[in-house]
Protein backbone atom coordinates (compact mmCIF):
# COMPACT_ATOMS: atom_id res chain seq x y z
CA MET A 1 26.94 34.13 49.98
CA VAL A 2 24.56 36.96 49.15
CA ALA A 3 25.46 40.58 49.72
CA ILE A 4 21.96 41.74 50.72
CA PRO A 5 19.99 38.87 52.24
CA ALA A 6 16.33 38.67 51.24
CA LEU A 7 16.15 42.23 49.91
CA SER A 8 16.14 41.08 46.29
CA GLN A 9 14.30 37.78 46.45
CA GLY A 10 11.06 37.31 44.61
CA ARG A 11 8.69 35.43 46.87
CA GLY A 12 5.06 36.24 46.29
CA GLY A 13 2.03 36.01 48.53
CA PRO A 14 0.73 33.03 50.48
CA GLU A 15 1.17 29.54 49.06
CA SER A 16 -1.71 28.38 46.86
CA LEU A 17 -4.20 26.07 48.54
CA LEU A 18 -4.25 23.71 45.55
CA PRO A 19 -1.74 22.64 42.90
CA PRO A 20 -1.53 24.33 39.46
CA GLY A 21 -4.54 23.64 37.29
CA PHE A 22 -7.04 23.36 40.14
CA GLY A 23 -8.20 26.80 41.13
CA ASN A 24 -4.58 27.96 41.49
CA ASN A 25 -4.50 31.59 42.64
CA GLN A 26 -8.10 32.01 41.51
CA ALA A 27 -9.78 31.96 44.88
CA LEU A 28 -9.21 35.62 45.67
CA PRO A 29 -8.13 38.79 43.91
CA PRO A 30 -4.40 39.51 44.31
CA PRO A 31 -3.35 41.35 47.47
CA GLU A 32 -3.27 45.10 47.08
CA GLU A 33 0.01 46.86 47.69
CA LYS A 34 -1.68 50.01 48.93
CA ALA A 35 -3.88 50.18 51.98
CA ALA A 36 -7.33 48.91 51.11
CA PRO A 37 -10.59 49.42 53.01
CA PRO A 38 -11.94 46.34 54.78
CA PRO A 39 -14.59 44.34 52.94
CA PRO A 40 -18.21 44.61 54.09
CA ALA A 41 -19.17 42.18 56.81
CA ASN A 42 -21.15 39.01 56.24
CA VAL A 43 -21.55 39.35 52.48
CA PRO A 44 -23.94 36.60 51.33
CA PRO A 45 -23.21 34.59 48.21
CA PRO A 46 -24.92 35.87 45.03
CA PRO A 47 -28.31 34.25 44.37
CA VAL A 48 -28.45 31.30 42.01
CA ALA A 49 -31.56 30.98 39.86
CA SER A 50 -33.32 27.63 39.77
CA GLY A 51 -32.06 25.45 36.96
CA THR A 52 -28.98 27.57 36.22
CA VAL A 53 -26.55 25.30 38.06
CA PRO A 54 -25.42 22.44 35.79
CA GLY A 55 -26.81 19.14 36.98
CA VAL A 56 -29.47 20.67 39.23
CA SER A 57 -32.99 20.73 37.76
CA PRO A 58 -35.57 23.43 38.59
CA PRO A 59 -38.25 22.37 41.07
CA ALA A 60 -41.39 20.87 39.59
CA LEU A 61 -44.72 22.65 40.10
CA ASP A 62 -47.35 21.04 42.28
CA ALA A 63 -50.11 19.73 39.99
CA ALA A 64 -52.93 20.87 42.25
CA SER A 65 -51.84 24.36 43.23
CA GLY A 66 -49.51 25.31 40.42
CA GLU A 67 -47.02 26.52 43.04
CA ALA A 68 -43.54 25.40 43.82
CA PRO A 69 -43.18 22.82 46.58
CA PRO A 70 -42.06 23.92 50.06
CA ALA A 71 -38.61 25.43 50.40
CA ALA A 72 -37.36 22.20 51.94
CA VAL A 73 -37.32 20.54 48.53
CA GLN A 74 -36.18 23.52 46.46
CA ASN A 75 -32.73 23.84 44.99
CA PRO A 76 -30.47 23.46 48.05
CA LEU A 77 -28.02 25.96 46.59
CA GLU A 78 -30.63 28.68 47.05
CA ALA A 79 -30.76 28.20 50.79
CA PRO A 80 -29.06 31.10 52.60
CA GLN A 81 -25.66 30.27 53.99
CA PRO A 82 -25.21 30.78 57.75
CA THR A 83 -23.42 34.07 58.46
CA ASN A 84 -23.32 34.00 62.24
CA TYR A 85 -20.11 32.04 62.81
CA PHE A 86 -18.42 35.00 64.50
CA THR A 87 -21.03 37.69 64.99
CA VAL A 88 -19.53 40.97 66.19
CA PRO A 89 -21.96 43.70 67.25
CA GLU A 90 -21.79 46.72 64.98
CA GLY A 91 -19.06 49.09 66.07
CA LYS A 92 -17.63 46.59 68.57
CA ALA A 93 -14.86 45.04 66.45
CA ARG A 94 -11.45 45.03 68.08
CA SER A 95 -8.92 47.62 67.00
CA VAL A 96 -6.52 46.52 64.28
CA GLU A 97 -3.94 49.19 65.06
CA MET A 98 -2.30 47.21 67.88
CA VAL A 99 -2.44 43.45 67.37
CA GLY A 100 -0.48 40.68 69.07
CA VAL A 101 -0.61 38.23 71.95
CA LEU A 102 2.69 38.85 73.73
CA ASP A 103 3.15 41.86 75.98
CA PRO A 104 6.55 42.87 77.43
CA GLY A 105 5.75 41.01 80.64
CA ASN A 106 5.44 37.65 78.89
CA GLY A 107 8.03 37.76 76.13
CA GLY A 108 6.75 40.54 73.90
CA LEU A 109 9.15 43.10 72.45
CA GLY A 110 7.00 46.16 73.10
CA ALA A 111 4.54 48.35 71.23
CA GLY A 112 7.32 50.01 69.24
CA ALA A 113 9.04 46.77 68.25
CA PHE A 114 8.85 47.64 64.55
CA GLY A 115 8.83 51.41 64.75
CA ALA A 116 6.28 53.80 63.30
CA ASN A 117 7.37 53.89 59.67
CA ASN A 118 8.42 51.64 56.78
CA GLY A 119 5.45 49.30 57.12
CA ALA A 120 5.39 48.43 53.42
CA PHE A 121 9.12 47.65 53.49
CA LEU A 122 8.85 45.43 56.56
CA ALA A 123 5.80 43.59 55.24
CA ALA A 124 7.61 42.98 51.95
CA LEU A 125 10.66 41.78 53.86
CA MET A 126 8.52 39.30 55.79
CA GLY A 127 7.20 37.97 52.51
CA GLN A 128 10.73 37.39 51.24
CA VAL A 129 12.08 35.40 54.18
CA ASP A 130 12.74 31.86 53.01
CA ALA A 131 11.60 29.96 56.10
CA PRO A 132 12.08 27.69 57.98
CA LEU A 133 15.42 29.00 59.16
CA PRO A 134 18.48 26.89 60.01
CA SER A 135 18.72 28.39 63.49
CA ARG A 136 16.43 27.23 66.30
CA TRP A 137 17.12 30.26 68.47
CA THR A 138 16.72 32.81 65.68
CA SER A 139 13.35 31.23 64.92
CA ILE A 140 12.31 31.41 68.57
CA LEU A 141 13.22 35.11 68.66
CA LEU A 142 11.45 35.82 65.38
CA ARG A 143 8.30 34.12 66.66
CA ARG A 144 8.36 36.37 69.72
CA ALA A 145 8.76 39.43 67.51
CA LEU A 146 5.90 38.46 65.21
CA LEU A 147 3.57 37.64 68.11
CA SER A 148 4.39 40.81 70.05
CA ARG A 149 1.54 43.21 70.66
CA ALA A 150 2.94 45.97 68.50
CA ALA A 151 1.62 49.01 66.71
CA ALA A 152 1.09 48.73 62.97
CA PRO A 153 3.67 50.93 61.22
CA ALA A 154 2.64 53.52 58.66
CA GLY A 155 2.55 52.65 54.98
CA VAL A 156 0.66 49.34 55.22
CA ASN A 157 -2.95 48.36 55.86
CA PRO A 158 -2.99 47.27 59.53
CA VAL A 159 -4.88 44.05 58.73
CA ASP A 160 -2.51 43.21 55.89
CA TRP A 161 0.32 43.83 58.35
CA VAL A 162 -1.09 41.15 60.65
CA ALA A 163 -1.54 38.86 57.64
CA ALA A 164 2.11 39.34 56.66
CA ARG A 165 3.20 38.33 60.16
CA ALA A 166 0.94 35.27 60.14
CA ASP A 167 2.13 34.29 56.66
CA LEU A 168 5.72 34.23 57.84
CA LEU A 169 4.80 32.21 60.94
CA LEU A 170 3.12 29.63 58.70
CA ARG A 171 6.23 29.31 56.54
CA MET A 172 8.27 28.88 59.71
CA GLY A 173 6.03 25.94 60.65
CA GLU A 174 4.36 27.93 63.44
CA ALA A 175 0.75 26.97 62.71
CA ASP A 176 -0.60 27.63 66.20
CA ALA A 177 1.19 30.96 66.48
CA ALA A 178 -0.25 32.03 63.11
CA ARG A 179 -3.73 31.09 64.31
CA MET A 180 -3.32 33.27 67.41
CA LEU A 181 -2.60 36.27 65.19
CA VAL A 182 -5.40 35.52 62.75
CA GLN A 183 -7.90 35.17 65.59
CA SER A 184 -6.79 38.54 66.97
CA VAL A 185 -8.57 40.27 64.07
CA ASP A 186 -12.36 40.14 63.77
CA PRO A 187 -13.65 38.82 60.42
CA VAL A 188 -15.57 42.05 59.83
CA ASN A 189 -12.18 43.71 59.22
CA TYR A 190 -10.66 41.03 56.97
CA THR A 191 -9.02 42.15 53.74
CA PRO A 192 -8.59 39.81 50.75
CA ARG A 193 -5.05 39.05 51.88
CA MET A 194 -6.20 38.30 55.41
CA ILE A 195 -8.88 35.94 54.09
CA GLU A 196 -6.23 34.00 52.18
CA THR A 197 -3.96 33.89 55.23
CA ALA A 198 -6.84 32.76 57.46
CA ALA A 199 -7.60 29.96 54.97
CA GLN A 200 -3.97 28.85 54.97
CA THR A 201 -3.97 28.88 58.76
CA ALA A 202 -7.14 26.79 58.94
CA LEU A 203 -5.50 24.13 56.80
CA ALA A 204 -2.14 24.26 58.58
CA THR A 205 -3.93 23.69 61.89
CA ALA A 206 -6.03 20.86 60.38
CA ASP A 207 -9.21 22.77 61.19
CA PRO A 208 -11.48 22.91 58.11
CA ALA A 209 -14.29 24.38 60.23
CA ALA A 210 -12.20 27.57 60.44
CA LEU A 211 -12.80 28.04 56.70
CA CYS A 212 -16.53 28.50 57.29
CA PRO A 213 -16.56 32.18 58.35
CA LEU A 214 -14.57 32.97 55.19
CA THR A 215 -16.78 31.36 52.58
CA GLY A 216 -19.52 34.01 52.42
CA ALA A 217 -17.35 36.96 51.42
CA THR A 218 -15.06 34.78 49.33
CA ARG A 219 -17.78 33.04 47.33
CA ALA A 220 -19.20 36.49 46.53
CA ALA A 221 -15.93 37.24 44.72
CA SER A 222 -15.03 33.80 43.36
CA ARG A 223 -16.54 30.62 42.00
CA ALA A 224 -13.28 28.68 42.10
CA PRO A 225 -13.77 25.00 43.01
CA VAL A 226 -11.69 25.32 46.15
CA TRP A 227 -14.22 27.64 47.77
CA THR A 228 -17.20 25.66 46.50
CA MET A 229 -15.72 22.60 48.20
CA ALA A 230 -15.06 24.62 51.34
CA GLU A 231 -18.68 25.75 51.40
CA ALA A 232 -19.82 22.15 50.91
CA MET A 233 -17.73 21.02 53.89
CA CYS A 234 -19.12 23.82 56.02
CA ALA A 235 -22.69 22.92 55.06
CA ALA A 236 -22.05 19.34 56.17
CA LEU A 237 -20.46 20.47 59.42
CA ALA A 238 -23.50 22.71 60.03
CA GLY A 239 -25.86 19.73 59.62
CA GLU A 240 -27.03 20.53 56.06
CA PRO A 241 -26.26 17.32 54.15
CA THR A 242 -28.49 18.10 51.16
CA ARG A 243 -26.83 21.44 50.55
CA ALA A 244 -23.41 19.89 51.09
CA SER A 245 -24.11 17.24 48.44
CA ALA A 246 -25.33 19.80 45.93
CA LEU A 247 -22.28 22.00 46.43
CA SER A 248 -19.98 19.01 46.13
CA ASP A 249 -21.63 18.11 42.81
CA GLN A 250 -21.21 21.69 41.64
CA ALA A 251 -17.52 21.68 42.55
CA ARG A 252 -17.04 18.46 40.59
CA GLN A 253 -18.73 19.97 37.54
CA HIS A 254 -16.50 23.04 37.79
CA GLY A 255 -13.27 21.03 37.77
CA ALA A 256 -12.77 19.55 41.22
CA ALA A 257 -11.42 16.02 40.96
CA GLY A 258 -8.97 13.51 42.30
CA ILE A 259 -7.43 13.54 45.74
CA ASP A 260 -8.54 17.11 46.48
CA LEU A 261 -12.21 16.32 45.96
CA MET A 262 -11.89 12.96 47.75
CA LEU A 263 -10.49 14.64 50.86
CA ALA A 264 -13.22 17.28 50.83
CA GLU A 265 -15.85 14.55 50.58
CA LYS A 266 -14.16 12.78 53.47
CA VAL A 267 -14.85 15.88 55.59
CA ILE A 268 -18.39 16.08 54.21
CA GLY A 269 -18.91 12.44 55.14
CA ALA A 270 -17.92 13.24 58.71
CA GLY A 271 -20.64 15.90 58.96
CA ALA A 272 -23.96 15.39 60.66
CA GLN A 273 -26.34 13.14 58.68
CA ALA A 274 -24.03 13.25 55.65
CA ARG A 275 -24.44 10.26 53.40
CA ARG A 276 -21.29 10.73 51.36
CA ALA A 277 -18.26 8.65 52.10
CA ALA A 278 -14.93 8.86 50.34
CA ASN A 279 -12.34 6.17 49.98
CA VAL A 280 -9.18 8.24 49.72
CA GLN A 281 -6.62 6.88 47.29
CA TRP A 282 -3.24 8.58 46.94
CA ASP A 283 -2.32 6.77 43.72
CA GLY A 284 -0.72 9.16 41.25
CA VAL A 285 -0.37 12.00 43.78
CA ASP A 286 3.17 13.36 43.62
CA ALA A 287 3.03 16.30 46.03
CA ILE A 288 1.39 17.48 49.21
CA ASN A 289 -0.06 20.98 49.62
CA PRO A 290 -1.94 22.85 52.36
CA TRP A 291 -5.37 21.62 51.21
CA ARG A 292 -4.32 17.98 51.11
CA PHE A 293 -2.42 18.25 54.37
CA GLY A 294 -5.17 20.06 56.26
CA LEU A 295 -8.07 17.85 55.22
CA ALA A 296 -6.15 14.59 55.55
CA SER A 297 -4.90 15.53 59.01
CA ALA A 298 -8.34 16.73 60.11
CA THR A 299 -9.97 13.41 59.20
CA GLY A 300 -7.14 11.18 60.41
CA THR A 301 -6.40 10.06 56.85
CA PRO A 302 -2.83 8.75 56.68
CA ILE A 303 -0.58 10.73 54.34
CA PRO A 304 1.96 8.51 52.55
CA ALA A 305 5.37 8.96 54.17
CA PRO A 306 7.17 9.81 50.89
CA LEU A 307 4.76 12.70 50.28
CA LEU A 308 5.06 14.05 53.81
CA ASN A 309 8.84 13.61 53.97
CA GLY A 310 9.26 15.39 50.65
CA ALA A 311 7.05 18.32 51.57
CA GLY A 312 9.62 20.14 53.69
CA PRO A 313 10.12 21.01 57.36
CA ARG A 314 7.12 23.29 57.69
CA TYR A 315 4.75 20.43 56.90
CA ALA A 316 6.54 18.24 59.42
CA ALA A 317 6.01 20.95 62.04
CA TRP A 318 2.32 21.25 61.14
CA PHE A 319 2.00 17.47 61.28
CA ALA A 320 3.65 17.32 64.70
CA ARG A 321 0.72 19.15 66.30
CA ALA A 322 -2.12 17.63 64.23
CA PRO A 323 -4.57 16.44 66.92
CA MET A 324 -6.33 13.77 64.86
CA VAL A 325 -3.09 11.89 64.10
CA PRO A 326 -1.98 9.37 66.75
CA LEU A 327 0.87 10.75 68.82
CA ASP A 328 3.21 7.84 68.17
CA GLN A 329 3.05 8.64 64.45
CA ARG A 330 4.08 12.24 65.11
CA LEU A 331 7.22 11.75 67.18
CA ASP A 332 9.71 12.10 64.32
CA ALA A 333 7.91 15.23 63.18
CA ALA A 334 7.97 16.51 66.77
CA GLY A 335 11.76 16.24 66.70
CA THR A 336 11.85 18.34 63.54
CA ALA A 337 9.54 20.88 65.16
CA ALA A 338 11.86 21.07 68.17
CA ALA A 339 14.91 21.63 65.95
CA LEU A 340 13.00 24.47 64.28
CA GLY A 341 12.27 26.07 67.65
CA ILE A 342 8.54 25.29 67.60
CA PHE A 343 8.48 22.60 70.28
CA SER A 344 10.30 23.20 73.55
CA SER A 345 12.49 20.58 75.16
CA ARG A 346 9.82 20.05 77.79
CA SER A 347 7.09 19.57 75.18
CA LEU A 348 9.22 17.03 73.34
CA VAL A 349 9.88 15.08 76.55
CA GLU A 350 6.19 15.11 77.41
CA ALA A 351 5.31 13.72 73.98
CA TYR A 352 7.64 10.76 74.47
CA ALA A 353 6.38 10.27 78.02
CA GLN A 354 2.79 10.03 76.80
CA VAL A 355 3.78 7.48 74.17
CA PHE A 356 5.63 5.48 76.81
CA ASP A 357 2.54 5.42 79.02
CA GLN A 358 0.43 4.24 76.08
CA THR A 359 2.82 1.46 75.08
CA ASP A 360 2.30 -2.10 76.25
CA PRO A 361 4.88 -2.78 79.00
CA ALA A 362 6.09 -5.82 77.08
CA GLU A 363 7.03 -3.57 74.15
CA GLN A 364 8.60 -0.64 76.02
CA ALA A 365 12.16 -1.95 76.28
CA GLY A 366 14.59 -0.40 73.83
CA THR A 367 12.27 2.35 72.64
CA VAL A 368 13.40 5.96 72.54
CA ALA A 369 10.94 6.75 75.32
CA ALA A 370 12.34 3.98 77.51
CA ARG A 371 15.91 5.15 77.00
CA LEU A 372 14.88 8.73 77.71
CA ARG A 373 13.31 7.54 80.94
CA THR A 374 16.58 5.83 81.85
CA ALA A 375 18.45 9.06 81.09
CA TRP A 376 16.35 10.71 83.77
CA ILE A 377 15.96 8.11 86.50
CA ASP A 378 18.92 5.73 86.37
CA PRO A 379 20.48 5.75 89.88
CA THR A 380 24.00 6.33 88.51
CA ALA A 381 25.34 9.20 86.45
CA ALA A 382 27.17 6.69 84.27
CA GLY A 383 23.89 4.90 83.50
CA ARG A 384 22.08 8.11 82.67
CA LEU A 385 24.94 9.28 80.48
CA ALA A 386 25.10 5.96 78.62
CA ALA A 387 21.40 6.26 77.80
CA MET A 388 21.91 9.79 76.49
CA ARG A 389 24.88 8.78 74.36
CA ALA A 390 22.80 6.05 72.76
CA LEU A 391 20.09 8.57 71.96
CA TRP A 392 22.55 11.07 70.49
CA ALA A 393 24.26 8.50 68.29
CA GLU A 394 21.13 7.02 66.74
CA PRO A 395 19.93 9.63 64.17
CA SER A 396 21.67 9.62 60.80
CA ASP A 397 21.02 13.27 59.91
CA ALA A 398 22.11 16.53 61.49
CA THR A 399 18.56 17.71 62.28
CA GLY A 400 17.74 14.45 64.00
CA ARG A 401 20.91 14.58 66.09
CA TYR A 402 20.18 18.15 67.18
CA ALA A 403 16.61 17.16 68.06
CA ARG A 404 18.01 14.46 70.35
CA LEU A 405 20.19 17.05 72.09
CA ILE A 406 17.04 19.10 72.69
CA LEU A 407 15.23 16.01 73.96
CA THR A 408 17.91 15.26 76.56
CA ALA A 409 18.49 18.83 77.81
CA GLY A 410 16.74 18.30 81.14
CA ALA A 411 18.50 15.00 81.74
CA ALA A 412 21.84 16.55 80.82
CA SER A 413 21.37 19.29 83.41
CA ARG A 414 21.15 16.58 86.12
CA ILE A 415 24.66 15.29 85.44
CA GLU A 416 26.99 16.84 87.99
CA PRO A 417 30.15 18.32 86.46
CA SER A 418 32.98 15.85 86.90
CA ALA A 419 36.30 15.06 85.27
CA ASP A 420 35.00 11.49 85.02
CA HIS A 421 32.58 12.68 82.33
CA ALA A 422 34.83 15.22 80.62
CA ASP A 423 34.69 13.30 77.34
CA ALA A 424 30.92 13.93 77.19
CA ALA A 425 31.08 17.58 78.26
CA ALA A 426 30.67 19.02 74.77
CA ASP A 427 27.49 17.08 74.04
CA LEU A 428 26.09 17.75 77.50
CA ILE A 429 26.75 21.47 77.12
CA ALA A 430 25.28 21.53 73.60
CA SER A 431 22.21 19.73 74.93
CA MET A 432 21.68 22.18 77.79
CA LEU A 433 22.25 25.26 75.64
CA SER A 434 19.81 24.00 73.02
CA ALA A 435 17.12 24.51 75.67
CA GLY A 436 18.53 27.77 77.00
CA MET A 437 20.03 26.29 80.18
CA ASP A 438 23.00 28.64 80.16
CA ALA A 439 23.63 28.72 83.90
CA GLU A 440 23.55 24.91 84.11
CA ALA A 441 25.97 24.62 81.20
CA ALA A 442 28.33 27.18 82.75
CA ARG A 443 28.87 24.87 85.74
CA TRP A 444 31.08 22.78 83.46
CA SER A 445 33.57 25.61 82.87
CA ARG A 446 36.27 24.28 85.20
CA VAL A 447 36.00 20.73 83.84
CA VAL A 448 36.23 22.02 80.28
CA GLU A 449 39.24 24.20 81.05
CA ASP A 450 41.08 21.34 82.70
CA ALA A 451 40.29 18.94 79.85
CA ASN A 452 41.20 21.49 77.16
CA ASP A 453 38.06 20.54 75.18
CA SER A 454 37.95 23.10 72.35
CA ARG A 455 34.38 22.42 71.21
CA ALA A 456 32.94 22.66 74.72
CA TRP A 457 35.13 25.70 75.44
CA ALA A 458 33.84 27.54 72.34
CA MET A 459 30.21 27.02 73.34
CA LEU A 460 30.82 28.25 76.88
CA ALA A 461 32.90 31.16 75.59
CA VAL A 462 29.85 32.63 73.88
CA GLY A 463 26.92 30.99 75.69
CA SER A 464 27.64 31.50 79.39
CA PRO A 465 25.84 34.35 81.17
CA ARG A 466 29.30 35.78 81.90
CA ALA A 467 32.75 34.78 80.80
CA GLN A 468 33.90 31.86 82.96
CA VAL A 469 36.50 30.34 80.65
CA ASP A 470 39.79 31.79 79.44
CA LEU A 471 39.10 34.31 76.66
CA GLY A 472 42.63 35.65 76.38
CA ARG A 473 44.07 36.32 72.94
CA ASP A 474 46.41 33.33 73.16
CA ARG A 475 43.55 30.94 73.98
CA VAL A 476 41.42 32.18 71.08
CA GLN A 477 44.44 32.07 68.77
CA ALA A 478 45.04 28.44 69.76
CA TYR A 479 41.47 27.64 68.74
CA ILE A 480 42.02 29.37 65.39
CA ASP A 481 45.23 27.47 64.79
CA ALA A 482 43.58 24.13 65.56
CA ASP A 483 40.51 24.73 63.42
CA THR A 484 40.22 22.29 60.50
CA SER A 485 36.70 23.21 59.35
CA PRO A 486 36.23 24.11 55.64
CA GLY A 487 37.23 27.72 55.14
CA HIS A 488 38.00 27.99 58.86
CA VAL A 489 34.31 28.79 59.36
CA ARG A 490 34.29 27.68 63.01
CA ALA A 491 37.16 30.01 63.89
CA GLN A 492 35.56 32.89 62.01
CA MET A 493 32.21 32.30 63.71
CA LEU A 494 33.83 32.18 67.14
CA VAL A 495 35.71 35.44 66.64
CA ALA A 496 32.60 37.09 65.17
CA ALA A 497 30.49 36.03 68.16
CA LEU A 498 33.08 37.03 70.75
CA ALA A 499 33.51 40.42 69.11
CA GLY A 500 29.76 40.94 68.81
CA LEU A 501 29.24 40.09 72.48
CA GLY A 502 32.09 42.38 73.49
CA ARG A 503 33.98 39.53 75.16
CA VAL A 504 37.27 40.43 73.49
CA SER A 505 38.70 43.91 73.15
CA GLY A 506 38.48 45.84 69.91
CA ALA A 507 42.20 45.49 69.28
CA ASP A 508 42.14 41.75 69.96
CA ALA A 509 39.05 41.33 67.79
CA SER A 510 40.83 42.98 64.89
CA ARG A 511 43.97 40.83 65.25
CA LEU A 512 42.05 37.61 65.78
CA GLY A 513 39.71 38.39 62.92
CA ASN A 514 42.66 38.83 60.60
CA ALA A 515 44.18 35.58 61.83
CA ALA A 516 40.91 33.72 61.18
CA GLY A 517 40.29 35.37 57.83
CA LEU A 518 37.20 37.21 59.03
CA SER A 519 36.25 40.33 57.09
CA VAL A 520 33.43 42.63 58.25
CA GLN A 521 32.16 45.12 55.69
CA ASN A 522 29.17 47.40 55.40
CA ASP A 523 26.41 46.63 52.89
CA LEU A 524 22.74 47.54 52.59
CA TRP A 525 21.67 44.87 55.08
CA ALA A 526 24.30 45.98 57.63
CA THR A 527 23.27 49.60 57.27
CA THR A 528 19.60 48.71 57.68
CA ILE A 529 19.99 46.60 60.81
CA ASP A 530 22.26 49.22 62.40
CA GLN A 531 19.59 51.86 61.73
CA ALA A 532 17.02 49.65 63.47
CA VAL A 533 19.32 49.48 66.50
CA ARG A 534 19.65 53.25 66.63
CA ALA A 535 15.86 53.54 66.44
CA ASN A 536 15.51 50.93 69.23
CA GLN A 537 13.34 48.58 67.17
CA PRO A 538 14.02 45.06 68.49
CA GLY A 539 11.36 43.52 66.26
CA THR A 540 12.97 44.96 63.15
CA VAL A 541 16.38 43.78 64.34
CA ALA A 542 15.01 40.25 64.86
CA LEU A 543 13.44 40.25 61.39
CA LEU A 544 16.62 41.47 59.73
CA ALA A 545 18.64 38.89 61.66
CA ALA A 546 16.41 36.21 60.16
CA THR A 547 16.96 37.53 56.64
CA ALA A 548 20.72 37.09 57.08
CA ILE A 549 20.66 33.36 57.76
CA GLN A 550 18.49 32.02 54.95
CA THR A 551 20.55 28.95 54.28
CA GLU A 552 20.00 25.23 54.76
CA ARG A 553 22.82 24.89 57.29
CA TRP A 554 24.76 27.04 59.70
CA ALA A 555 27.88 26.59 57.56
CA GLY A 556 26.28 28.82 54.92
CA VAL A 557 25.79 31.78 57.26
CA PRO A 558 28.41 34.49 56.63
CA PRO A 559 30.40 35.02 59.85
CA ALA A 560 30.30 38.78 59.26
CA TYR A 561 26.51 38.63 59.54
CA LEU A 562 26.72 36.65 62.78
CA PHE A 563 28.89 39.44 64.20
CA ARG A 564 26.25 42.07 63.52
CA ILE A 565 23.35 39.86 64.57
CA VAL A 566 24.94 39.19 67.95
CA ARG A 567 26.13 42.75 68.46
CA ASP A 568 22.84 44.37 67.46
CA LEU A 569 20.63 41.99 69.43
CA LYS A 570 22.72 42.72 72.50
CA ALA A 571 22.40 46.45 71.80
CA VAL A 572 18.57 46.32 71.89
CA GLY A 573 18.47 44.36 75.13
CA LEU A 574 18.35 40.81 73.74
CA ASP A 575 21.61 39.59 75.25
CA PHE A 576 20.30 36.12 76.11
CA GLU A 577 19.05 35.52 72.58
CA ALA A 578 22.34 36.80 71.16
CA ARG A 579 24.30 34.32 73.28
CA MET A 580 22.03 31.38 72.47
CA ILE A 581 22.28 32.05 68.72
CA ALA A 582 26.08 32.24 68.99
CA ALA A 583 26.24 29.06 71.07
CA GLU A 584 23.98 27.26 68.60
CA ALA A 585 26.34 28.22 65.79
CA MET A 586 29.29 26.70 67.65
CA ALA A 587 27.29 23.57 68.52
CA ARG A 588 25.95 22.87 65.04
CA LEU A 589 28.95 23.69 62.86
């Protein structure tokens, strides 16, 4: 347990594009802590004199005229680089003071979500969040906060503020959400930090063409191989194969080698009239990184499973939405993305449905997609429930099992509450609540009460829109007495959530907290999140809630922090999110 979550961690800026020893952290100057003016627009690369680039000879003079041959056969590196990728008329760039894609009418938290002050503190806090988070619903809320159309607070460059939000989304696995933020700022206003974030986003979304508008200003400041290779890819994509080849040779001479150069040349080979082809070999590669992921995914180059599996959840989430990778190869990653809150239950179902439609009918039987179909359309509730139970039981890890609950949420909501299915009530309720179906889950209250199912009761106690199960002191005490979890963490979490939601009285909360061993104390984090509540800053509350649950599993979240998260979210009008986070805790512990 940490006393002040995230406030003392030492995370730096965005993750390096390449591994140590290959242009690491050399592509751009370090981000400035103070507000910096935006760089000039469309800065061309510095001129390169003929014959000064190793391996490129100066043009020969024509014997008859004594003049250089036509420009078409001059040093291709001297050709001007296109600068019109995103041309914005002078003075017409969009404002950077209010950036976001979600307004209050479609999930946004409002213009004042983060308040008017403490911008440097909040940006630093975003940089310290160790994402992805263990909580699906906290991640969903944090995404909404980061995407909200909100005013930039004082004390931070407004463009760097957008970059900090996009950086955090990338670490959460939210590649498409990060791209939406990055594209909300015109390149003419990019700062060095925003350029780095935009590059990371281009790779996370497997879109190397999105690097092209960045190369002009960046190559003016850096000759690192990573940007030379990026410029070579962009030349190929723009139909300039000669220039692309020359730049690729230059990158090789400046240190580019191995898998990173091979993948870049794979993109170059896909460009118009490009004559370079790369046979990508992963031998000796022991780690994946954004460059390798982005270029491999963009060209449909298979990434060895051990590398992808060892890269962490964010890469799995990026992989799940990579358009050049066949869908059937992305289903496991889609489950991870759903558990992280990136894919909805509906999106996950649609992915399996598409794979089912693409599968030969002779090979459909027994697949996950076929069993999911049965869970929806079997004529009997018993048949549908049997299919769901088989899906729930199959994964061997906790994330996989939770992903299956998300997958079956819609099917679970179609099972009518019945004492005949009381033994499956807890899993059905967990499945529905994973997708936010609180009203559907609440229909099982009577069945759960009659069956005395403690796990199902605990989820309904905190997840229902209104209390529909017995929340008397004796009932909660019975749950505490029966709890056998390590350190009585389930009992402590339940009491913390009930107290935070105001579903037990203050006196009962105190007695039950003592009985469960729950202790709630003030620390710097608690003081800070309470101040955000008083200032009515739901975005700040959501961010601080995320900093409190930076653990691998729900069992590592301090119950005292859950109490404040639930209470303070409810206080700023996020009652639904507070209940879903509490219900997720009870489902996943």
